[in-house]
Amino acid sequence: MSLTAETMVLTPEKEPSTPTEPAADRRADVEAKQARIAALLQEVACDGLVILEPENFAWLTSGGAARGVLDPAELPGLSFTADQRWVIT
């Protein structure tokens, strides 16, 4: 039996020419999700949306998580309107 190993190496032309800023990408992601929520709120004729589940909190904040909170009942939440968002503590 023979064993063949292949490696993948990115050539310089395949690498991004300018580094992206993670904070800017995260901000754009959160803004896009805010726009989706605004459209949903308008579609269902609601004034706001409250998010309390940690999984939804993480998704809507593009990876944000509460650290150092020992009691799950004290985890932060999010409140959204069509044009604003708040963290609830």
N, C-alpha and C. Protein backbone atom coordinates (compact mmCIF):
# COMPACT_ATOMS: atom_id res chain seq x y z
N MET A 1 0.84 -1.18 0.00
CA MET A 1 0.00 0.00 0.00
C MET A 1 0.88 1.24 0.00
N SER A 2 0.44 2.21 -0.71
CA SER A 2 1.18 3.47 -0.70
C SER A 2 0.25 4.56 -0.18
N LEU A 3 0.85 5.52 0.42
CA LEU A 3 0.11 6.63 1.00
C LEU A 3 0.57 7.91 0.33
N THR A 4 -0.37 8.68 -0.19
CA THR A 4 -0.04 9.93 -0.86
C THR A 4 -0.62 11.08 -0.06
N ALA A 5 0.18 12.06 0.18
CA ALA A 5 -0.28 13.25 0.90
C ALA A 5 -0.24 14.44 -0.04
N GLU A 6 -1.29 15.21 -0.03
CA GLU A 6 -1.34 16.42 -0.84
C GLU A 6 -1.46 17.62 0.09
N THR A 7 -0.80 18.66 -0.28
CA THR A 7 -0.92 19.89 0.50
C THR A 7 -1.43 20.99 -0.40
N MET A 8 -2.17 21.89 0.21
CA MET A 8 -2.67 23.05 -0.54
C MET A 8 -1.92 24.28 -0.04
N VAL A 9 -1.38 25.00 -0.96
CA VAL A 9 -0.69 26.24 -0.63
C VAL A 9 -1.30 27.33 -1.47
N LEU A 10 -1.72 28.41 -0.81
CA LEU A 10 -2.27 29.53 -1.56
C LEU A 10 -1.14 30.29 -2.23
N THR A 11 -1.32 30.53 -3.48
CA THR A 11 -0.34 31.34 -4.19
C THR A 11 -0.60 32.80 -3.86
N PRO A 12 0.38 33.67 -3.98
CA PRO A 12 0.19 35.07 -3.63
C PRO A 12 -0.96 35.75 -4.36
N GLU A 13 -1.25 35.37 -5.60
CA GLU A 13 -2.33 36.03 -6.32
C GLU A 13 -3.71 35.64 -5.79
N LYS A 14 -3.82 34.56 -5.02
CA LYS A 14 -5.10 34.15 -4.46
C LYS A 14 -5.35 34.77 -3.09
N GLU A 15 -4.34 35.31 -2.46
CA GLU A 15 -4.50 35.93 -1.16
C GLU A 15 -5.10 37.31 -1.33
N PRO A 16 -5.87 37.79 -0.36
CA PRO A 16 -6.44 39.13 -0.48
C PRO A 16 -5.35 40.18 -0.58
N SER A 17 -5.57 41.15 -1.44
CA SER A 17 -4.56 42.19 -1.65
C SER A 17 -4.53 43.19 -0.50
N THR A 18 -5.68 43.41 0.13
CA THR A 18 -5.72 44.31 1.28
C THR A 18 -6.38 43.58 2.44
N PRO A 19 -5.84 43.71 3.62
CA PRO A 19 -6.46 43.05 4.76
C PRO A 19 -7.80 43.70 5.10
N THR A 20 -8.75 42.87 5.48
CA THR A 20 -10.05 43.41 5.87
C THR A 20 -10.05 43.68 7.36
N GLU A 21 -10.81 44.66 7.76
CA GLU A 21 -10.91 44.99 9.17
C GLU A 21 -12.08 44.23 9.77
N PRO A 22 -11.82 43.33 10.73
CA PRO A 22 -12.90 42.54 11.31
C PRO A 22 -14.00 43.40 11.93
N ALA A 23 -13.64 44.50 12.56
CA ALA A 23 -14.65 45.35 13.19
C ALA A 23 -15.59 45.95 12.15
N ALA A 24 -15.07 46.34 11.00
CA ALA A 24 -15.90 46.91 9.95
C ALA A 24 -16.83 45.84 9.37
N ASP A 25 -16.31 44.63 9.18
CA ASP A 25 -17.13 43.53 8.68
C ASP A 25 -18.23 43.18 9.67
N ARG A 26 -17.89 43.18 10.94
CA ARG A 26 -18.87 42.86 11.98
C ARG A 26 -19.95 43.93 12.03
N ARG A 27 -19.56 45.18 11.94
CA ARG A 27 -20.53 46.28 11.94
C ARG A 27 -21.48 46.15 10.75
N ALA A 28 -20.94 45.86 9.58
CA ALA A 28 -21.77 45.70 8.39
C ALA A 28 -22.74 44.53 8.55
N ASP A 29 -22.28 43.45 9.16
CA ASP A 29 -23.13 42.29 9.39
C ASP A 29 -24.28 42.64 10.34
N VAL A 30 -23.98 43.34 11.42
CA VAL A 30 -25.02 43.74 12.38
C VAL A 30 -26.01 44.70 11.71
N GLU A 31 -25.51 45.63 10.92
CA GLU A 31 -26.40 46.57 10.21
C GLU A 31 -27.31 45.83 9.24
N ALA A 32 -26.80 44.83 8.54
CA ALA A 32 -27.61 44.05 7.61
C ALA A 32 -28.71 43.29 8.36
N LYS A 33 -28.36 42.75 9.51
CA LYS A 33 -29.36 42.04 10.31
C LYS A 33 -30.41 43.00 10.87
N GLN A 34 -29.99 44.21 11.23
CA GLN A 34 -30.94 45.24 11.67
C GLN A 34 -31.94 45.54 10.55
N ALA A 35 -31.47 45.63 9.33
CA ALA A 35 -32.35 45.89 8.19
C ALA A 35 -33.33 44.74 7.98
N ARG A 36 -32.87 43.51 8.16
CA ARG A 36 -33.76 42.35 8.04
C ARG A 36 -34.83 42.38 9.12
N ILE A 37 -34.45 42.75 10.33
CA ILE A 37 -35.42 42.84 11.42
C ILE A 37 -36.42 43.95 11.14
N ALA A 38 -35.95 45.08 10.64
CA ALA A 38 -36.86 46.19 10.30
C ALA A 38 -37.89 45.74 9.28
N ALA A 39 -37.46 44.99 8.27
CA ALA A 39 -38.39 44.49 7.25
C ALA A 39 -39.39 43.51 7.86
N LEU A 40 -38.92 42.65 8.75
CA LEU A 40 -39.80 41.70 9.41
C LEU A 40 -40.82 42.42 10.28
N LEU A 41 -40.38 43.41 11.04
CA LEU A 41 -41.30 44.16 11.90
C LEU A 41 -42.37 44.85 11.08
N GLN A 42 -41.99 45.41 9.96
CA GLN A 42 -42.97 46.06 9.09
C GLN A 42 -43.94 45.03 8.51
N GLU A 43 -43.41 43.88 8.11
CA GLU A 43 -44.24 42.83 7.51
C GLU A 43 -45.31 42.31 8.47
N VAL A 44 -44.93 42.15 9.74
CA VAL A 44 -45.87 41.60 10.73
C VAL A 44 -46.55 42.69 11.56
N ALA A 45 -46.31 43.95 11.21
CA ALA A 45 -46.94 45.10 11.87
C ALA A 45 -46.68 45.12 13.37
N CYS A 46 -45.41 44.95 13.76
CA CYS A 46 -45.02 45.02 15.17
C CYS A 46 -44.09 46.22 15.37
N ASP A 47 -44.09 46.73 16.59
CA ASP A 47 -43.24 47.87 16.92
C ASP A 47 -41.82 47.46 17.30
N GLY A 48 -41.66 46.25 17.82
CA GLY A 48 -40.34 45.86 18.28
C GLY A 48 -40.17 44.37 18.43
N LEU A 49 -38.94 43.99 18.73
CA LEU A 49 -38.57 42.59 18.90
C LEU A 49 -37.61 42.52 20.08
N VAL A 50 -37.85 41.57 20.99
CA VAL A 50 -36.97 41.35 22.14
C VAL A 50 -36.32 39.99 21.98
N ILE A 51 -35.01 39.95 22.11
CA ILE A 51 -34.22 38.72 21.98
C ILE A 51 -33.62 38.39 23.34
N LEU A 52 -33.89 37.18 23.84
CA LEU A 52 -33.37 36.77 25.14
C LEU A 52 -32.50 35.51 25.08
N GLU A 53 -32.62 34.73 24.03
CA GLU A 53 -31.84 33.49 23.92
C GLU A 53 -30.39 33.80 23.55
N PRO A 54 -29.42 33.20 24.26
CA PRO A 54 -28.00 33.46 23.97
C PRO A 54 -27.61 33.16 22.52
N GLU A 55 -28.19 32.13 21.92
CA GLU A 55 -27.86 31.79 20.53
C GLU A 55 -28.29 32.91 19.58
N ASN A 56 -29.48 33.44 19.81
CA ASN A 56 -29.97 34.54 18.98
C ASN A 56 -29.19 35.82 19.24
N PHE A 57 -28.83 36.05 20.50
CA PHE A 57 -28.00 37.20 20.86
C PHE A 57 -26.68 37.14 20.09
N ALA A 58 -26.05 35.97 20.09
CA ALA A 58 -24.76 35.81 19.40
C ALA A 58 -24.91 36.04 17.90
N TRP A 59 -25.96 35.50 17.30
CA TRP A 59 -26.15 35.66 15.86
C TRP A 59 -26.40 37.12 15.50
N LEU A 60 -27.27 37.79 16.24
CA LEU A 60 -27.62 39.17 15.91
C LEU A 60 -26.50 40.16 16.19
N THR A 61 -25.57 39.80 17.07
CA THR A 61 -24.44 40.68 17.36
C THR A 61 -23.18 40.23 16.62
N SER A 62 -23.34 39.31 15.70
CA SER A 62 -22.23 38.82 14.90
C SER A 62 -21.13 38.22 15.78
N GLY A 63 -21.56 37.40 16.72
CA GLY A 63 -20.60 36.68 17.55
C GLY A 63 -20.44 37.21 18.96
N GLY A 64 -21.21 38.20 19.34
CA GLY A 64 -21.11 38.74 20.69
C GLY A 64 -21.60 37.74 21.72
N ALA A 65 -20.99 37.78 22.90
CA ALA A 65 -21.40 36.89 23.98
C ALA A 65 -21.16 37.57 25.31
N ALA A 66 -22.02 37.27 26.27
CA ALA A 66 -21.84 37.80 27.62
C ALA A 66 -20.81 36.93 28.34
N ARG A 67 -19.82 37.56 28.92
CA ARG A 67 -18.79 36.82 29.65
C ARG A 67 -18.86 37.19 31.12
N GLY A 68 -18.62 36.22 31.96
CA GLY A 68 -18.59 36.47 33.40
C GLY A 68 -19.96 36.52 34.05
N VAL A 69 -20.99 36.09 33.35
CA VAL A 69 -22.33 36.05 33.93
C VAL A 69 -22.57 34.64 34.44
N LEU A 70 -22.72 34.49 35.76
CA LEU A 70 -22.86 33.17 36.35
C LEU A 70 -24.30 32.67 36.32
N ASP A 71 -25.25 33.57 36.48
CA ASP A 71 -26.66 33.19 36.52
C ASP A 71 -27.28 33.37 35.14
N PRO A 72 -27.76 32.29 34.51
CA PRO A 72 -28.37 32.41 33.18
C PRO A 72 -29.54 33.38 33.13
N ALA A 73 -30.20 33.60 34.26
CA ALA A 73 -31.33 34.54 34.29
C ALA A 73 -30.86 35.98 34.15
N GLU A 74 -29.57 36.22 34.31
CA GLU A 74 -29.03 37.58 34.22
C GLU A 74 -28.30 37.85 32.91
N LEU A 75 -28.42 36.95 31.95
CA LEU A 75 -27.80 37.18 30.64
C LEU A 75 -28.46 38.38 29.97
N PRO A 76 -27.70 39.16 29.22
CA PRO A 76 -28.29 40.31 28.54
C PRO A 76 -29.20 39.88 27.40
N GLY A 77 -30.05 40.79 27.01
CA GLY A 77 -30.93 40.58 25.87
C GLY A 77 -30.76 41.72 24.90
N LEU A 78 -31.52 41.69 23.84
CA LEU A 78 -31.50 42.75 22.83
C LEU A 78 -32.93 43.21 22.58
N SER A 79 -33.07 44.48 22.34
CA SER A 79 -34.36 45.05 21.96
C SER A 79 -34.17 45.77 20.64
N PHE A 80 -35.02 45.45 19.67
CA PHE A 80 -34.94 46.05 18.34
C PHE A 80 -36.23 46.77 18.00
N THR A 81 -36.10 47.92 17.37
CA THR A 81 -37.21 48.55 16.68
C THR A 81 -36.77 48.63 15.22
N ALA A 82 -37.59 49.25 14.40
CA ALA A 82 -37.23 49.33 12.98
C ALA A 82 -35.94 50.10 12.74
N ASP A 83 -35.63 51.06 13.61
CA ASP A 83 -34.44 51.89 13.36
C ASP A 83 -33.47 51.99 14.53
N GLN A 84 -33.71 51.25 15.61
CA GLN A 84 -32.81 51.31 16.76
C GLN A 84 -32.63 49.92 17.36
N ARG A 85 -31.55 49.76 18.13
CA ARG A 85 -31.32 48.52 18.87
C ARG A 85 -30.65 48.85 20.20
N TRP A 86 -30.98 48.08 21.22
CA TRP A 86 -30.42 48.29 22.55
C TRP A 86 -30.03 46.96 23.17
N VAL A 87 -29.05 47.01 24.05
CA VAL A 87 -28.70 45.86 24.88
C VAL A 87 -29.46 46.03 26.19
N ILE A 88 -30.12 44.96 26.63
CA ILE A 88 -30.88 44.98 27.88
C ILE A 88 -30.07 44.23 28.92
N THR A 89 -29.77 44.89 30.03
CA THR A 89 -29.02 44.22 31.11
C THR A 89 -29.83 44.18 32.37
